[in-house]
Amino acid sequence: MGEDNLLTIEKTEGRRKCPSCSEEHKNLIHESTDKTNIISDYPRVYGKKYRCGKCGQEWREK
């Protein structure tokens, strides 16, 4: 899945879970820096993106 069509979902309350397969085990939800989502220019702050270790779905939260 490309960076441009990253799935964007609303920030959920409580435990983060995969929007595709509903996996919510914290060891299977991988967080990484999303260099395509710049929050602030100075200092440079990037958003986060998440990837499910079970189904491979990538997403970001707004």
N, C-alpha and C. Protein backbone atom coordinates (compact mmCIF):
# COMPACT_ATOMS: atom_id res chain seq x y z
N MET A 1 0.85 -1.18 0.00
CA MET A 1 0.00 0.00 0.00
C MET A 1 0.89 1.24 0.00
N GLY A 2 0.62 2.20 -0.87
CA GLY A 2 1.45 3.39 -1.00
C GLY A 2 1.21 4.39 0.11
N GLU A 3 2.14 5.35 0.20
CA GLU A 3 2.04 6.38 1.24
C GLU A 3 0.87 7.34 0.95
N ASP A 4 0.56 7.56 -0.34
CA ASP A 4 -0.44 8.55 -0.70
C ASP A 4 -1.86 8.11 -0.33
N ASN A 5 -2.15 6.82 -0.41
CA ASN A 5 -3.50 6.36 -0.11
C ASN A 5 -3.55 5.63 1.23
N LEU A 6 -2.87 6.20 2.23
CA LEU A 6 -2.87 5.65 3.58
C LEU A 6 -4.26 5.86 4.18
N LEU A 7 -4.83 4.84 4.76
CA LEU A 7 -6.15 4.91 5.36
C LEU A 7 -6.11 5.87 6.55
N THR A 8 -7.06 6.81 6.61
CA THR A 8 -7.13 7.76 7.72
C THR A 8 -8.43 7.52 8.47
N ILE A 9 -8.30 7.28 9.79
CA ILE A 9 -9.48 7.03 10.62
C ILE A 9 -9.53 8.03 11.76
N GLU A 10 -10.69 8.16 12.38
CA GLU A 10 -10.83 9.00 13.57
C GLU A 10 -10.08 8.36 14.73
N LYS A 11 -9.51 9.20 15.59
CA LYS A 11 -8.81 8.69 16.77
C LYS A 11 -9.83 8.03 17.69
N THR A 12 -9.54 6.82 18.11
CA THR A 12 -10.48 6.07 18.94
C THR A 12 -10.17 6.22 20.42
N GLU A 13 -11.18 6.03 21.24
CA GLU A 13 -10.99 6.02 22.69
C GLU A 13 -10.49 4.65 23.11
N GLY A 14 -9.65 4.62 24.12
CA GLY A 14 -9.18 3.35 24.65
C GLY A 14 -8.10 2.71 23.80
N ARG A 15 -8.11 1.40 23.71
CA ARG A 15 -7.08 0.65 23.02
C ARG A 15 -7.14 0.82 21.50
N ARG A 16 -5.98 1.00 20.89
CA ARG A 16 -5.90 1.15 19.43
C ARG A 16 -6.11 -0.21 18.79
N LYS A 17 -6.90 -0.26 17.71
CA LYS A 17 -7.10 -1.53 17.03
C LYS A 17 -7.10 -1.35 15.52
N CYS A 18 -6.80 -2.40 14.81
CA CYS A 18 -6.71 -2.38 13.35
C CYS A 18 -8.10 -2.15 12.75
N PRO A 19 -8.23 -1.17 11.82
CA PRO A 19 -9.54 -0.92 11.21
C PRO A 19 -9.97 -2.03 10.25
N SER A 20 -9.03 -2.88 9.83
CA SER A 20 -9.34 -3.92 8.87
C SER A 20 -9.75 -5.24 9.55
N CYS A 21 -8.88 -5.74 10.44
CA CYS A 21 -9.15 -7.05 11.05
C CYS A 21 -9.51 -6.97 12.54
N SER A 22 -9.54 -5.75 13.09
CA SER A 22 -9.90 -5.49 14.51
C SER A 22 -8.92 -6.09 15.51
N GLU A 23 -7.70 -6.38 15.09
CA GLU A 23 -6.67 -6.84 16.03
C GLU A 23 -6.33 -5.70 16.98
N GLU A 24 -6.29 -5.98 18.28
CA GLU A 24 -5.96 -4.92 19.23
C GLU A 24 -4.82 -5.28 20.18
N HIS A 25 -4.16 -6.41 19.97
CA HIS A 25 -3.03 -6.79 20.81
C HIS A 25 -1.89 -5.81 20.57
N LYS A 26 -1.38 -5.18 21.63
CA LYS A 26 -0.42 -4.08 21.46
C LYS A 26 0.90 -4.51 20.81
N ASN A 27 1.27 -5.77 20.91
CA ASN A 27 2.50 -6.23 20.28
C ASN A 27 2.35 -6.42 18.76
N LEU A 28 1.12 -6.40 18.26
CA LEU A 28 0.89 -6.57 16.83
C LEU A 28 0.56 -5.25 16.13
N ILE A 29 0.43 -4.14 16.89
CA ILE A 29 0.20 -2.83 16.29
C ILE A 29 1.52 -2.08 16.34
N HIS A 30 2.12 -1.85 15.16
CA HIS A 30 3.44 -1.22 15.08
C HIS A 30 3.28 0.25 14.73
N GLU A 31 3.94 1.12 15.52
CA GLU A 31 3.87 2.55 15.32
C GLU A 31 5.16 3.02 14.67
N SER A 32 5.04 3.89 13.66
CA SER A 32 6.23 4.44 13.02
C SER A 32 5.97 5.90 12.65
N THR A 33 7.05 6.61 12.29
CA THR A 33 6.95 8.02 11.91
C THR A 33 6.43 8.14 10.49
N ASP A 34 5.45 9.00 10.29
CA ASP A 34 4.87 9.24 8.97
C ASP A 34 5.47 10.52 8.40
N LYS A 35 6.53 10.39 7.59
CA LYS A 35 7.24 11.56 7.05
C LYS A 35 6.40 12.34 6.04
N THR A 36 5.26 11.78 5.59
CA THR A 36 4.40 12.49 4.65
C THR A 36 3.42 13.41 5.38
N ASN A 37 3.33 13.28 6.70
CA ASN A 37 2.39 14.06 7.50
C ASN A 37 3.18 14.98 8.43
N ILE A 38 3.48 16.21 7.95
CA ILE A 38 4.26 17.17 8.74
C ILE A 38 3.30 17.98 9.60
N ILE A 39 3.48 17.91 10.93
CA ILE A 39 2.61 18.62 11.86
C ILE A 39 3.12 20.04 12.08
N SER A 40 4.44 20.20 12.21
CA SER A 40 5.05 21.50 12.44
C SER A 40 6.36 21.60 11.68
N ASP A 41 6.62 22.79 11.08
CA ASP A 41 7.86 22.97 10.33
C ASP A 41 9.06 23.24 11.23
N TYR A 42 8.87 24.08 12.25
CA TYR A 42 10.00 24.37 13.14
C TYR A 42 9.52 24.38 14.57
N PRO A 43 9.97 23.48 15.42
CA PRO A 43 10.82 22.34 15.06
C PRO A 43 10.04 21.32 14.22
N ARG A 44 10.74 20.58 13.38
CA ARG A 44 10.12 19.62 12.47
C ARG A 44 9.49 18.50 13.29
N VAL A 45 8.17 18.37 13.20
CA VAL A 45 7.43 17.32 13.92
C VAL A 45 6.59 16.56 12.91
N TYR A 46 6.74 15.24 12.90
CA TYR A 46 5.99 14.39 11.98
C TYR A 46 4.88 13.67 12.72
N GLY A 47 3.85 13.27 11.98
CA GLY A 47 2.77 12.48 12.54
C GLY A 47 3.19 11.02 12.70
N LYS A 48 2.27 10.22 13.18
CA LYS A 48 2.51 8.78 13.37
C LYS A 48 1.64 7.99 12.42
N LYS A 49 2.14 6.83 12.01
CA LYS A 49 1.31 5.89 11.27
C LYS A 49 1.43 4.54 11.94
N TYR A 50 0.47 3.70 11.72
CA TYR A 50 0.40 2.41 12.38
C TYR A 50 0.26 1.31 11.36
N ARG A 51 0.82 0.13 11.67
CA ARG A 51 0.71 -1.02 10.78
C ARG A 51 0.35 -2.24 11.60
N CYS A 52 -0.63 -3.00 11.11
CA CYS A 52 -1.06 -4.21 11.79
C CYS A 52 -0.10 -5.35 11.45
N GLY A 53 0.38 -6.05 12.46
CA GLY A 53 1.28 -7.16 12.24
C GLY A 53 0.56 -8.43 11.81
N LYS A 54 -0.76 -8.42 11.89
CA LYS A 54 -1.54 -9.60 11.53
C LYS A 54 -1.96 -9.57 10.05
N CYS A 55 -2.54 -8.43 9.60
CA CYS A 55 -3.04 -8.36 8.22
C CYS A 55 -2.24 -7.41 7.33
N GLY A 56 -1.36 -6.59 7.91
CA GLY A 56 -0.52 -5.69 7.13
C GLY A 56 -1.15 -4.35 6.78
N GLN A 57 -2.36 -4.08 7.26
CA GLN A 57 -3.04 -2.80 6.99
C GLN A 57 -2.26 -1.64 7.63
N GLU A 58 -2.06 -0.54 6.88
CA GLU A 58 -1.44 0.66 7.42
C GLU A 58 -2.48 1.76 7.52
N TRP A 59 -2.41 2.57 8.58
CA TRP A 59 -3.34 3.67 8.77
C TRP A 59 -2.75 4.76 9.62
N ARG A 60 -3.40 5.91 9.61
CA ARG A 60 -3.05 7.01 10.51
C ARG A 60 -4.32 7.50 11.17
N GLU A 61 -4.14 8.18 12.30
CA GLU A 61 -5.30 8.73 13.02
C GLU A 61 -5.29 10.24 12.91
N LYS A 62 -6.51 10.85 12.81
CA LYS A 62 -6.55 12.31 12.79
C LYS A 62 -6.83 12.87 14.15
